[in-house]
Amino acid sequence: MSDICQIDTENIDIHKTDTPPVPQSLADLDFNLLKTLHVLLSEQQVTRAAQTLGRSQPAVSNALHRLREALDDDLLVRGAGGFTLTPRAEALKAPLREVMAIVETSVLKTTDFDPRSATDVLRISAPDRLTLAVVPSLAARLQRFAPKMSLDVTTADRSQALAMLNDERIDLLLGWSEDLPSHLKGELLYREPLLCVMRRGHPLAKARRRLSIDAVLSFPHVVVSATGGRTQIFDDLLATLGLRRRALVTVSNFTAIPRLLQDGDMVGVFTKLAARALVSSFGLEMRAIPAELGTVATHMVWQLRNDRNSAHVWLREQVRAVYRRLSRGA
């Protein structure tokens, strides 16, 4: 999410702070170039930087050319796997982040934010279960209240998502909040049970009450694992009881889940909101499983320095509103 504005940098002394020392050449750049450099170093790609800044790719390419000349460094170098930062760019990354934090804290947090006219790209990292269960409702709110804004959702594991949040490649992380560093803030959004999902006509669908653990484990399972591992939340809960399930198929997202469940006797154990989305959209069945298996908590996490940023405050309130509505239907 970007906050681009014209600021007189002559009145901002970037050297009188407790932040890491800023190379002198940065002081000669106007604020918009500083902002562009900050986003380029975070995104490490001109196209994504242009999307984040809400500018055209040629405009950002031209800004990169000016930055290279001003700093006498390539900054971004194309390699086999994409662009990488030069050593000089890596050295600039941390102090530049601190400079931008000072500007946003002292100036941008007071800027009025109007979602009806804003053209920001809202960048969120969320596990696939939330992309299935929550993102459609969030997108609907954007269409209604912020028609010019767009949503960019990335699926990543915990370490990748935290790194993206630290580097400001995302505005908000949905999922976990355990053991957060002091510069991040977390908030509990929802706790939900796990449910067993199967096709209509499945032997377990005949049950009219909560399934036993033995019943759930008597059929092969399909597992969703973004990291490619063959375990997930349910497996960790089973392990505390000394139990295991047979994972017949493991996939990285929910795309193939409906077909896999409809075409055989496999079952899947998913969080309630994800299970409900599958059942309502694909004609599947869901049944409760033993309560002692516990619940799954979902948090949202953001940079502490964006706590009062009006655009970020608005985004977080939209997420809360979505969860309030979904929880009423639970």
C-alpha atoms as a PDB file:
ATOM      1  CA  MET A   1       0.000   0.000   0.000  1.00  0.00           C
ATOM      2  CA  SER A   2       1.515   3.276  -1.025  1.00  0.00           C
ATOM      3  CA  ASP A   3       1.106   6.828   0.240  1.00  0.00           C
ATOM      4  CA  ILE A   4       2.670   9.034  -2.461  1.00  0.00           C
ATOM      5  CA  CYS A   5       2.629  12.775  -1.849  1.00  0.00           C
ATOM      6  CA  GLN A   6       4.762  15.850  -2.413  1.00  0.00           C
ATOM      7  CA  ILE A   7       6.834  16.733   0.656  1.00  0.00           C
ATOM      8  CA  ASP A   8       9.431  19.451   1.136  1.00  0.00           C
ATOM      9  CA  THR A   9      12.400  17.373   2.260  1.00  0.00           C
ATOM     10  CA  GLU A  10      14.404  20.484   3.186  1.00  0.00           C
ATOM     11  CA  ASN A  11      12.501  20.595   6.488  1.00  0.00           C
ATOM     12  CA  ILE A  12      13.184  16.953   7.315  1.00  0.00           C
ATOM     13  CA  ASP A  13      16.651  16.378   8.705  1.00  0.00           C
ATOM     14  CA  ILE A  14      17.252  12.703   8.064  1.00  0.00           C
ATOM     15  CA  HIS A  15      20.574  12.833   9.902  1.00  0.00           C
ATOM     16  CA  LYS A  16      19.251  13.952  13.316  1.00  0.00           C
ATOM     17  CA  THR A  17      17.821  10.589  14.328  1.00  0.00           C
ATOM     18  CA  ASP A  18      18.853   7.474  16.168  1.00  0.00           C
ATOM     19  CA  THR A  19      18.540   5.440  12.970  1.00  0.00           C
ATOM     20  CA  PRO A  20      21.475   3.878  11.104  1.00  0.00           C
ATOM     21  CA  PRO A  21      23.573   6.498   9.279  1.00  0.00           C
ATOM     22  CA  VAL A  22      22.155   7.502   5.893  1.00  0.00           C
ATOM     23  CA  PRO A  23      24.564   7.856   2.981  1.00  0.00           C
ATOM     24  CA  GLN A  24      24.954  11.539   2.070  1.00  0.00           C
ATOM     25  CA  SER A  25      23.797  10.984  -1.502  1.00  0.00           C
ATOM     26  CA  LEU A  26      20.305  10.077  -0.292  1.00  0.00           C
ATOM     27  CA  ALA A  27      19.882  13.569   1.125  1.00  0.00           C
ATOM     28  CA  ASP A  28      20.114  14.974  -2.414  1.00  0.00           C
ATOM     29  CA  LEU A  29      17.059  13.026  -3.624  1.00  0.00           C
ATOM     30  CA  ASP A  30      13.508  14.394  -3.503  1.00  0.00           C
ATOM     31  CA  PHE A  31      10.909  12.496  -1.512  1.00  0.00           C
ATOM     32  CA  ASN A  32       9.227  10.823  -4.477  1.00  0.00           C
ATOM     33  CA  LEU A  33      12.547   9.386  -5.655  1.00  0.00           C
ATOM     34  CA  LEU A  34      13.272   8.216  -2.105  1.00  0.00           C
ATOM     35  CA  LYS A  35       9.880   6.517  -1.999  1.00  0.00           C
ATOM     36  CA  THR A  36      10.491   4.898  -5.380  1.00  0.00           C
ATOM     37  CA  LEU A  37      13.904   3.657  -4.266  1.00  0.00           C
ATOM     38  CA  HIS A  38      12.394   2.280  -1.058  1.00  0.00           C
ATOM     39  CA  VAL A  39       9.746   0.312  -2.982  1.00  0.00           C
ATOM     40  CA  LEU A  40      12.221  -0.890  -5.630  1.00  0.00           C
ATOM     41  CA  LEU A  41      14.529  -2.273  -2.945  1.00  0.00           C
ATOM     42  CA  SER A  42      11.587  -4.014  -1.268  1.00  0.00           C
ATOM     43  CA  GLU A  43       9.957  -5.453  -4.407  1.00  0.00           C
ATOM     44  CA  GLN A  44      13.220  -6.069  -6.330  1.00  0.00           C
ATOM     45  CA  GLN A  45      11.292  -5.814  -9.595  1.00  0.00           C
ATOM     46  CA  VAL A  46      10.224  -2.799 -11.648  1.00  0.00           C
ATOM     47  CA  THR A  47       6.783  -4.164 -12.588  1.00  0.00           C
ATOM     48  CA  ARG A  48       5.751  -4.974  -9.006  1.00  0.00           C
ATOM     49  CA  ALA A  49       7.195  -1.668  -7.786  1.00  0.00           C
ATOM     50  CA  ALA A  50       5.096   0.196 -10.364  1.00  0.00           C
ATOM     51  CA  GLN A  51       1.959  -1.626  -9.199  1.00  0.00           C
ATOM     52  CA  THR A  52       2.707  -0.827  -5.558  1.00  0.00           C
ATOM     53  CA  LEU A  53       3.373   2.829  -6.327  1.00  0.00           C
ATOM     54  CA  GLY A  54       0.363   3.152  -8.613  1.00  0.00           C
ATOM     55  CA  ARG A  55       2.578   4.394 -11.455  1.00  0.00           C
ATOM     56  CA  SER A  56       3.359   3.192 -14.967  1.00  0.00           C
ATOM     57  CA  GLN A  57       6.262   0.810 -15.555  1.00  0.00           C
ATOM     58  CA  PRO A  58       8.082   3.297 -17.866  1.00  0.00           C
ATOM     59  CA  ALA A  59       7.846   5.974 -15.157  1.00  0.00           C
ATOM     60  CA  VAL A  60       9.406   3.674 -12.561  1.00  0.00           C
ATOM     61  CA  SER A  61      12.069   2.526 -15.044  1.00  0.00           C
ATOM     62  CA  ASN A  62      12.941   6.164 -15.669  1.00  0.00           C
ATOM     63  CA  ALA A  63      13.120   6.790 -11.920  1.00  0.00           C
ATOM     64  CA  LEU A  64      15.442   3.791 -11.539  1.00  0.00           C
ATOM     65  CA  HIS A  65      17.699   5.242 -14.242  1.00  0.00           C
ATOM     66  CA  ARG A  66      17.835   8.562 -12.371  1.00  0.00           C
ATOM     67  CA  LEU A  67      18.569   6.774  -9.102  1.00  0.00           C
ATOM     68  CA  ARG A  68      21.390   4.796 -10.688  1.00  0.00           C
ATOM     69  CA  GLU A  69      22.956   8.000 -11.958  1.00  0.00           C
ATOM     70  CA  ALA A  70      22.497   9.873  -8.675  1.00  0.00           C
ATOM     71  CA  LEU A  71      23.924   7.055  -6.548  1.00  0.00           C
ATOM     72  CA  ASP A  72      26.471   5.843  -9.125  1.00  0.00           C
ATOM     73  CA  ASP A  73      25.351   2.246  -8.635  1.00  0.00           C
ATOM     74  CA  ASP A  74      23.253  -0.280 -10.588  1.00  0.00           C
ATOM     75  CA  LEU A  75      21.107  -0.998  -7.476  1.00  0.00           C
ATOM     76  CA  LEU A  76      19.182  -3.830  -9.211  1.00  0.00           C
ATOM     77  CA  VAL A  77      21.028  -6.396 -11.312  1.00  0.00           C
ATOM     78  CA  ARG A  78      19.293  -9.007 -13.470  1.00  0.00           C
ATOM     79  CA  GLY A  79      20.325 -12.584 -12.731  1.00  0.00           C
ATOM     80  CA  ALA A  80      19.196 -16.088 -13.643  1.00  0.00           C
ATOM     81  CA  GLY A  81      16.428 -16.067 -11.027  1.00  0.00           C
ATOM     82  CA  GLY A  82      15.342 -12.450 -11.489  1.00  0.00           C
ATOM     83  CA  PHE A  83      16.683  -9.193 -10.096  1.00  0.00           C
ATOM     84  CA  THR A  84      19.060  -9.068  -7.125  1.00  0.00           C
ATOM     85  CA  LEU A  85      20.268  -6.123  -5.061  1.00  0.00           C
ATOM     86  CA  THR A  86      23.823  -4.868  -5.358  1.00  0.00           C
ATOM     87  CA  PRO A  87      25.884  -4.632  -2.138  1.00  0.00           C
ATOM     88  CA  ARG A  88      25.294  -0.865  -2.165  1.00  0.00           C
ATOM     89  CA  ALA A  89      21.539  -1.380  -2.438  1.00  0.00           C
ATOM     90  CA  GLU A  90      21.585  -3.880   0.431  1.00  0.00           C
ATOM     91  CA  ALA A  91      23.450  -1.316   2.543  1.00  0.00           C
ATOM     92  CA  LEU A  92      20.838   1.345   1.738  1.00  0.00           C
ATOM     93  CA  LYS A  93      17.839  -0.846   2.550  1.00  0.00           C
ATOM     94  CA  ALA A  94      17.776  -0.584   6.358  1.00  0.00           C
ATOM     95  CA  PRO A  95      18.559   3.144   6.737  1.00  0.00           C
ATOM     96  CA  LEU A  96      16.117   4.010   3.952  1.00  0.00           C
ATOM     97  CA  ARG A  97      13.386   2.007   5.701  1.00  0.00           C
ATOM     98  CA  GLU A  98      14.012   4.045   8.853  1.00  0.00           C
ATOM     99  CA  VAL A  99      13.892   7.326   6.936  1.00  0.00           C
ATOM    100  CA  MET A 100      10.564   6.396   5.359  1.00  0.00           C
ATOM    101  CA  ALA A 101       9.224   5.380   8.772  1.00  0.00           C
ATOM    102  CA  ILE A 102      10.063   8.837  10.135  1.00  0.00           C
ATOM    103  CA  VAL A 103       8.278  10.527   7.244  1.00  0.00           C
ATOM    104  CA  GLU A 104       5.200   8.295   7.453  1.00  0.00           C
ATOM    105  CA  THR A 105       4.965   8.619  11.240  1.00  0.00           C
ATOM    106  CA  SER A 106       5.346  12.401  11.303  1.00  0.00           C
ATOM    107  CA  VAL A 107       3.500  13.329   8.114  1.00  0.00           C
ATOM    108  CA  LEU A 108       1.534  10.605   6.362  1.00  0.00           C
ATOM    109  CA  LYS A 109      -0.386   9.371   9.389  1.00  0.00           C
ATOM    110  CA  THR A 110      -2.276  12.675   9.448  1.00  0.00           C
ATOM    111  CA  THR A 111      -3.175  12.485   5.753  1.00  0.00           C
ATOM    112  CA  ASP A 112      -6.876  11.941   5.120  1.00  0.00           C
ATOM    113  CA  PHE A 113      -7.634   8.632   3.431  1.00  0.00           C
ATOM    114  CA  ASP A 114     -10.673   8.392   1.184  1.00  0.00           C
ATOM    115  CA  PRO A 115     -11.288   4.788   0.093  1.00  0.00           C
ATOM    116  CA  ARG A 116     -13.735   5.941  -2.598  1.00  0.00           C
ATOM    117  CA  SER A 117     -10.982   7.681  -4.551  1.00  0.00           C
ATOM    118  CA  ALA A 118      -7.900   5.742  -3.399  1.00  0.00           C
ATOM    119  CA  THR A 119      -6.106   3.617  -5.997  1.00  0.00           C
ATOM    120  CA  ASP A 120      -3.873   1.662  -3.615  1.00  0.00           C
ATOM    121  CA  VAL A 121      -2.941  -1.982  -4.052  1.00  0.00           C
ATOM    122  CA  LEU A 122      -3.701  -3.766  -0.770  1.00  0.00           C
ATOM    123  CA  ARG A 123      -1.102  -6.494  -0.267  1.00  0.00           C
ATOM    124  CA  ILE A 124      -1.931  -9.389   2.044  1.00  0.00           C
ATOM    125  CA  SER A 125      -0.298 -12.710   2.845  1.00  0.00           C
ATOM    126  CA  ALA A 126      -2.751 -15.438   3.846  1.00  0.00           C
ATOM    127  CA  PRO A 127      -2.749 -19.240   3.965  1.00  0.00           C
ATOM    128  CA  ASP A 128      -4.820 -20.878   1.267  1.00  0.00           C
ATOM    129  CA  ARG A 129      -7.641 -21.759   3.682  1.00  0.00           C
ATOM    130  CA  LEU A 130      -8.215 -18.018   4.175  1.00  0.00           C
ATOM    131  CA  THR A 131      -7.927 -17.272   0.462  1.00  0.00           C
ATOM    132  CA  LEU A 132     -10.817 -19.701   0.026  1.00  0.00           C
ATOM    133  CA  ALA A 133     -12.920 -18.653   3.012  1.00  0.00           C
ATOM    134  CA  VAL A 134     -12.208 -14.957   3.637  1.00  0.00           C
ATOM    135  CA  VAL A 135     -10.728 -13.231   0.572  1.00  0.00           C
ATOM    136  CA  PRO A 136     -13.952 -13.350  -1.529  1.00  0.00           C
ATOM    137  CA  SER A 137     -15.806 -11.402   1.170  1.00  0.00           C
ATOM    138  CA  LEU A 138     -12.934  -8.935   1.490  1.00  0.00           C
ATOM    139  CA  ALA A 139     -12.891  -8.419  -2.280  1.00  0.00           C
ATOM    140  CA  ALA A 140     -16.643  -7.771  -2.214  1.00  0.00           C
ATOM    141  CA  ARG A 141     -16.156  -5.044   0.410  1.00  0.00           C
ATOM    142  CA  LEU A 142     -13.491  -3.412  -1.743  1.00  0.00           C
ATOM    143  CA  GLN A 143     -15.811  -3.391  -4.750  1.00  0.00           C
ATOM    144  CA  ARG A 144     -18.493  -1.758  -2.629  1.00  0.00           C
ATOM    145  CA  PHE A 145     -16.517   0.773  -0.590  1.00  0.00           C
ATOM    146  CA  ALA A 146     -13.245   1.246  -2.508  1.00  0.00           C
ATOM    147  CA  PRO A 147     -13.957   0.577  -6.200  1.00  0.00           C
ATOM    148  CA  LYS A 148     -10.603   1.897  -7.453  1.00  0.00           C
ATOM    149  CA  MET A 149      -8.470  -0.162  -5.082  1.00  0.00           C
ATOM    150  CA  SER A 150      -7.208  -3.683  -5.778  1.00  0.00           C
ATOM    151  CA  LEU A 151      -6.196  -6.679  -3.703  1.00  0.00           C
ATOM    152  CA  ASP A 152      -2.970  -8.672  -4.075  1.00  0.00           C
ATOM    153  CA  VAL A 153      -3.000 -11.900  -2.038  1.00  0.00           C
ATOM    154  CA  THR A 154       0.119 -14.020  -1.575  1.00  0.00           C
ATOM    155  CA  THR A 155       0.298 -17.481  -0.011  1.00  0.00           C
ATOM    156  CA  ALA A 156       3.474 -18.078   1.994  1.00  0.00           C
ATOM    157  CA  ASP A 157       4.628 -20.043   5.014  1.00  0.00           C
ATOM    158  CA  ARG A 158       5.209 -18.284   8.337  1.00  0.00           C
ATOM    159  CA  SER A 159       8.880 -17.405   7.834  1.00  0.00           C
ATOM    160  CA  GLN A 160       8.325 -16.172   4.273  1.00  0.00           C
ATOM    161  CA  ALA A 161       5.295 -14.108   5.283  1.00  0.00           C
ATOM    162  CA  LEU A 162       7.147 -12.455   8.177  1.00  0.00           C
ATOM    163  CA  ALA A 163      10.061 -11.635   5.870  1.00  0.00           C
ATOM    164  CA  MET A 164       7.657 -10.068   3.377  1.00  0.00           C
ATOM    165  CA  LEU A 165       6.057  -8.000   6.138  1.00  0.00           C
ATOM    166  CA  ASN A 166       9.455  -6.872   7.420  1.00  0.00           C
ATOM    167  CA  ASP A 167      10.485  -5.831   3.899  1.00  0.00           C
ATOM    168  CA  GLU A 168       7.108  -4.127   3.316  1.00  0.00           C
ATOM    169  CA  ARG A 169       6.271  -6.352   0.372  1.00  0.00           C
ATOM    170  CA  ILE A 170       2.907  -6.873   2.098  1.00  0.00           C
ATOM    171  CA  ASP A 171       0.761  -4.612   4.272  1.00  0.00           C
ATOM    172  CA  LEU A 172      -0.904  -7.281   6.383  1.00  0.00           C
ATOM    173  CA  LEU A 173      -0.305 -10.880   7.376  1.00  0.00           C
ATOM    174  CA  LEU A 174      -3.221 -13.179   8.148  1.00  0.00           C
ATOM    175  CA  GLY A 175      -2.534 -16.406   9.994  1.00  0.00           C
ATOM    176  CA  TRP A 176      -0.174 -16.512  12.957  1.00  0.00           C
ATOM    177  CA  SER A 177       1.093 -14.118  15.623  1.00  0.00           C
ATOM    178  CA  GLU A 178       3.160 -16.219  18.016  1.00  0.00           C
ATOM    179  CA  ASP A 179       6.529 -14.847  19.158  1.00  0.00           C
ATOM    180  CA  LEU A 180       6.324 -11.611  17.191  1.00  0.00           C
ATOM    181  CA  PRO A 181       9.278  -9.188  17.233  1.00  0.00           C
ATOM    182  CA  SER A 182       8.673  -5.847  18.940  1.00  0.00           C
ATOM    183  CA  HIS A 183       8.182  -3.918  15.672  1.00  0.00           C
ATOM    184  CA  LEU A 184       5.153  -6.030  14.707  1.00  0.00           C
ATOM    185  CA  LYS A 185       1.678  -6.029  16.232  1.00  0.00           C
ATOM    186  CA  GLY A 186      -0.859  -8.859  16.216  1.00  0.00           C
ATOM    187  CA  GLU A 187      -4.589  -9.183  16.878  1.00  0.00           C
ATOM    188  CA  LEU A 188      -6.744 -12.286  17.295  1.00  0.00           C
ATOM    189  CA  LEU A 189      -9.507 -12.369  14.688  1.00  0.00           C
ATOM    190  CA  TYR A 190     -11.227 -15.716  15.122  1.00  0.00           C
ATOM    191  CA  ARG A 191     -11.060 -19.196  16.621  1.00  0.00           C
ATOM    192  CA  GLU A 192     -12.728 -22.008  14.729  1.00  0.00           C
ATOM    193  CA  PRO A 193     -13.049 -25.778  15.049  1.00  0.00           C
ATOM    194  CA  LEU A 194     -11.969 -28.351  12.501  1.00  0.00           C
ATOM    195  CA  LEU A 195     -14.585 -30.216  10.454  1.00  0.00           C
ATOM    196  CA  CYS A 196     -14.477 -33.322   8.290  1.00  0.00           C
ATOM    197  CA  VAL A 197     -15.538 -32.804   4.658  1.00  0.00           C
ATOM    198  CA  MET A 198     -16.616 -35.556   2.278  1.00  0.00           C
ATOM    199  CA  ARG A 199     -18.792 -36.184  -0.798  1.00  0.00           C
ATOM    200  CA  ARG A 200     -22.537 -36.595  -0.609  1.00  0.00           C
ATOM    201  CA  GLY A 201     -23.364 -40.250  -0.145  1.00  0.00           C
ATOM    202  CA  HIS A 202     -20.073 -40.954   1.634  1.00  0.00           C
ATOM    203  CA  PRO A 203     -20.403 -43.528   4.460  1.00  0.00           C
ATOM    204  CA  LEU A 204     -19.452 -40.846   7.010  1.00  0.00           C
ATOM    205  CA  ALA A 205     -22.148 -38.509   5.654  1.00  0.00           C
ATOM    206  CA  LYS A 206     -24.789 -40.840   7.107  1.00  0.00           C
ATOM    207  CA  ALA A 207     -23.778 -39.795  10.618  1.00  0.00           C
ATOM    208  CA  ARG A 208     -26.128 -37.286  12.223  1.00  0.00           C
ATOM    209  CA  ARG A 209     -23.864 -36.508  15.152  1.00  0.00           C
ATOM    210  CA  ARG A 210     -20.214 -35.747  15.826  1.00  0.00           C
ATOM    211  CA  LEU A 211     -17.829 -38.251  14.216  1.00  0.00           C
ATOM    212  CA  SER A 212     -15.459 -40.255  16.384  1.00  0.00           C
ATOM    213  CA  ILE A 213     -11.710 -40.023  15.859  1.00  0.00           C
ATOM    214  CA  ASP A 214     -11.688 -43.665  14.753  1.00  0.00           C
ATOM    215  CA  ALA A 215     -14.311 -42.920  12.101  1.00  0.00           C
ATOM    216  CA  VAL A 216     -12.382 -39.916  10.769  1.00  0.00           C
ATOM    217  CA  LEU A 217      -9.165 -41.943  10.573  1.00  0.00           C
ATOM    218  CA  SER A 218     -10.795 -44.969   8.925  1.00  0.00           C
ATOM    219  CA  PHE A 219     -10.700 -43.318   5.482  1.00  0.00           C
ATOM    220  CA  PRO A 220      -7.752 -41.944   3.470  1.00  0.00           C
ATOM    221  CA  HIS A 221      -7.252 -38.179   3.609  1.00  0.00           C
ATOM    222  CA  VAL A 222      -6.454 -35.377   1.210  1.00  0.00           C
ATOM    223  CA  VAL A 223      -4.113 -32.822   2.807  1.00  0.00           C
ATOM    224  CA  VAL A 224      -3.512 -29.175   1.882  1.00  0.00           C
ATOM    225  CA  SER A 225       0.061 -28.107   2.633  1.00  0.00           C
ATOM    226  CA  ALA A 226       1.486 -24.895   1.173  1.00  0.00           C
ATOM    227  CA  THR A 227       5.017 -25.957   2.103  1.00  0.00           C
ATOM    228  CA  GLY A 228       4.785 -29.319   0.377  1.00  0.00           C
ATOM    229  CA  GLY A 229       5.018 -31.256   3.639  1.00  0.00           C
ATOM    230  CA  ARG A 230       2.625 -34.095   4.347  1.00  0.00           C
ATOM    231  CA  THR A 231       1.376 -32.705   7.657  1.00  0.00           C
ATOM    232  CA  GLN A 232      -0.626 -29.700   8.785  1.00  0.00           C
ATOM    233  CA  ILE A 233      -2.570 -28.432  11.805  1.00  0.00           C
ATOM    234  CA  PHE A 234      -4.717 -31.546  12.128  1.00  0.00           C
ATOM    235  CA  ASP A 235      -1.666 -33.816  12.128  1.00  0.00           C
ATOM    236  CA  ASP A 236      -0.089 -31.843  14.960  1.00  0.00           C
ATOM    237  CA  LEU A 237      -3.278 -32.218  16.999  1.00  0.00           C
ATOM    238  CA  LEU A 238      -3.414 -35.955  16.284  1.00  0.00           C
ATOM    239  CA  ALA A 239       0.212 -36.324  17.343  1.00  0.00           C
ATOM    240  CA  THR A 240      -0.653 -35.061  20.839  1.00  0.00           C
ATOM    241  CA  LEU A 241      -2.980 -38.083  21.101  1.00  0.00           C
ATOM    242  CA  GLY A 242      -0.428 -40.473  19.630  1.00  0.00           C
ATOM    243  CA  LEU A 243      -2.433 -40.874  16.417  1.00  0.00           C
ATOM    244  CA  ARG A 244      -1.732 -40.552  12.701  1.00  0.00           C
ATOM    245  CA  ARG A 245      -3.844 -40.487   9.565  1.00  0.00           C
ATOM    246  CA  ARG A 246      -3.163 -41.830   6.097  1.00  0.00           C
ATOM    247  CA  ALA A 247      -2.523 -38.922   3.713  1.00  0.00           C
ATOM    248  CA  LEU A 248      -3.341 -40.401   0.315  1.00  0.00           C
ATOM    249  CA  VAL A 249      -2.972 -37.120  -1.605  1.00  0.00           C
ATOM    250  CA  THR A 250      -1.160 -33.913  -0.590  1.00  0.00           C
ATOM    251  CA  VAL A 251      -1.718 -30.715  -2.578  1.00  0.00           C
ATOM    252  CA  SER A 252      -0.421 -27.177  -2.134  1.00  0.00           C
ATOM    253  CA  ASN A 253      -3.812 -25.427  -2.316  1.00  0.00           C
ATOM    254  CA  PHE A 254      -7.565 -26.013  -2.352  1.00  0.00           C
ATOM    255  CA  THR A 255      -8.022 -25.919  -6.145  1.00  0.00           C
ATOM    256  CA  ALA A 256      -8.276 -29.696  -6.638  1.00  0.00           C
ATOM    257  CA  ILE A 257      -9.971 -30.491  -3.313  1.00  0.00           C
ATOM    258  CA  PRO A 258     -13.591 -30.565  -4.597  1.00  0.00           C
ATOM    259  CA  ARG A 259     -12.802 -33.057  -7.394  1.00  0.00           C
ATOM    260  CA  LEU A 260     -10.644 -35.213  -5.148  1.00  0.00           C
ATOM    261  CA  LEU A 261     -13.439 -35.504  -2.588  1.00  0.00           C
ATOM    262  CA  GLN A 262     -16.279 -35.911  -5.104  1.00  0.00           C
ATOM    263  CA  ASP A 263     -14.626 -38.735  -7.038  1.00  0.00           C
ATOM    264  CA  GLY A 264     -13.883 -41.183  -4.217  1.00  0.00           C
ATOM    265  CA  ASP A 265     -14.031 -41.980  -0.520  1.00  0.00           C
ATOM    266  CA  MET A 266     -11.256 -39.658   0.622  1.00  0.00           C
ATOM    267  CA  VAL A 267     -12.060 -37.117   3.322  1.00  0.00           C
ATOM    268  CA  GLY A 268     -10.469 -33.816   4.298  1.00  0.00           C
ATOM    269  CA  VAL A 269     -10.223 -32.096   7.674  1.00  0.00           C
ATOM    270  CA  PHE A 270     -10.313 -28.306   7.373  1.00  0.00           C
ATOM    271  CA  THR A 271     -11.115 -25.260   9.453  1.00  0.00           C
ATOM    272  CA  LYS A 272     -14.811 -24.449   9.733  1.00  0.00           C
ATOM    273  CA  LEU A 273     -14.829 -21.406   7.437  1.00  0.00           C
ATOM    274  CA  ALA A 274     -12.923 -23.264   4.710  1.00  0.00           C
ATOM    275  CA  ALA A 275     -15.142 -26.334   5.100  1.00  0.00           C
ATOM    276  CA  ARG A 276     -18.267 -24.191   4.885  1.00  0.00           C
ATOM    277  CA  ALA A 277     -17.000 -22.555   1.675  1.00  0.00           C
ATOM    278  CA  LEU A 278     -16.368 -25.972   0.109  1.00  0.00           C
ATOM    279  CA  VAL A 279     -19.780 -27.297   1.121  1.00  0.00           C
ATOM    280  CA  SER A 280     -21.723 -24.260  -0.112  1.00  0.00           C
ATOM    281  CA  SER A 281     -19.870 -23.993  -3.429  1.00  0.00           C
ATOM    282  CA  PHE A 282     -19.348 -27.623  -4.428  1.00  0.00           C
ATOM    283  CA  GLY A 283     -22.188 -29.644  -2.918  1.00  0.00           C
ATOM    284  CA  LEU A 284     -20.052 -31.501  -0.390  1.00  0.00           C
ATOM    285  CA  GLU A 285     -20.946 -32.580   3.157  1.00  0.00           C
ATOM    286  CA  MET A 286     -19.295 -31.656   6.461  1.00  0.00           C
ATOM    287  CA  ARG A 287     -19.477 -33.221   9.909  1.00  0.00           C
ATOM    288  CA  ALA A 288     -18.140 -32.211  13.319  1.00  0.00           C
ATOM    289  CA  ILE A 289     -15.169 -34.071  14.790  1.00  0.00           C
ATOM    290  CA  PRO A 290     -14.191 -34.529  18.471  1.00  0.00           C
ATOM    291  CA  ALA A 291     -13.926 -31.218  20.319  1.00  0.00           C
ATOM    292  CA  GLU A 292     -10.787 -32.351  22.156  1.00  0.00           C
ATOM    293  CA  LEU A 293      -8.864 -31.888  18.923  1.00  0.00           C
ATOM    294  CA  GLY A 294      -9.038 -28.173  19.666  1.00  0.00           C
ATOM    295  CA  THR A 295      -9.533 -25.045  17.594  1.00  0.00           C
ATOM    296  CA  VAL A 296      -7.456 -23.046  15.119  1.00  0.00           C
ATOM    297  CA  ALA A 297      -6.750 -19.361  15.771  1.00  0.00           C
ATOM    298  CA  THR A 298      -6.359 -16.756  13.035  1.00  0.00           C
ATOM    299  CA  HIS A 299      -4.594 -13.458  13.701  1.00  0.00           C
ATOM    300  CA  MET A 300      -3.691 -10.443  11.619  1.00  0.00           C
ATOM    301  CA  VAL A 301      -0.225  -8.919  11.962  1.00  0.00           C
ATOM    302  CA  TRP A 302       1.100  -5.543  10.816  1.00  0.00           C
ATOM    303  CA  GLN A 303       4.036  -3.195  11.201  1.00  0.00           C
ATOM    304  CA  LEU A 304       3.750  -1.254  14.471  1.00  0.00           C
ATOM    305  CA  ARG A 305       4.743   1.953  12.711  1.00  0.00           C
ATOM    306  CA  ASN A 306       1.627   1.606  10.514  1.00  0.00           C
ATOM    307  CA  ASP A 307      -0.619   1.340  13.568  1.00  0.00           C
ATOM    308  CA  ARG A 308      -2.092   4.830  12.997  1.00  0.00           C
ATOM    309  CA  ASN A 309      -1.627   5.121   9.251  1.00  0.00           C
ATOM    310  CA  SER A 310      -5.143   5.930   8.044  1.00  0.00           C
ATOM    311  CA  ALA A 311      -5.005   3.657   4.981  1.00  0.00           C
ATOM    312  CA  HIS A 312      -3.732   0.723   7.035  1.00  0.00           C
ATOM    313  CA  VAL A 313      -6.300   1.400   9.771  1.00  0.00           C
ATOM    314  CA  TRP A 314      -9.034   1.263   7.129  1.00  0.00           C
ATOM    315  CA  LEU A 315      -7.718  -2.015   5.692  1.00  0.00           C
ATOM    316  CA  ARG A 316      -7.612  -3.682   9.118  1.00  0.00           C
ATOM    317  CA  GLU A 317     -11.169  -2.580   9.850  1.00  0.00           C
ATOM    318  CA  GLN A 318     -12.353  -4.172   6.594  1.00  0.00           C
ATOM    319  CA  VAL A 319     -10.779  -7.473   7.650  1.00  0.00           C
ATOM    320  CA  ARG A 320     -12.471  -7.228  11.069  1.00  0.00           C
ATOM    321  CA  ALA A 321     -15.815  -6.496   9.402  1.00  0.00           C
ATOM    322  CA  VAL A 322     -15.470  -9.577   7.199  1.00  0.00           C
ATOM    323  CA  TYR A 323     -14.764 -11.794  10.200  1.00  0.00           C
ATOM    324  CA  ARG A 324     -17.678 -10.321  12.145  1.00  0.00           C
ATOM    325  CA  ARG A 325     -20.016 -11.207   9.300  1.00  0.00           C
ATOM    326  CA  LEU A 326     -18.558 -14.676   8.781  1.00  0.00           C
ATOM    327  CA  SER A 327     -18.686 -15.469  12.505  1.00  0.00           C
ATOM    328  CA  ARG A 328     -22.390 -14.557  12.632  1.00  0.00           C
ATOM    329  CA  GLY A 329     -23.013 -17.168   9.968  1.00  0.00           C
ATOM    330  CA  ALA A 330     -20.887 -19.796  11.749  1.00  0.00           C
END
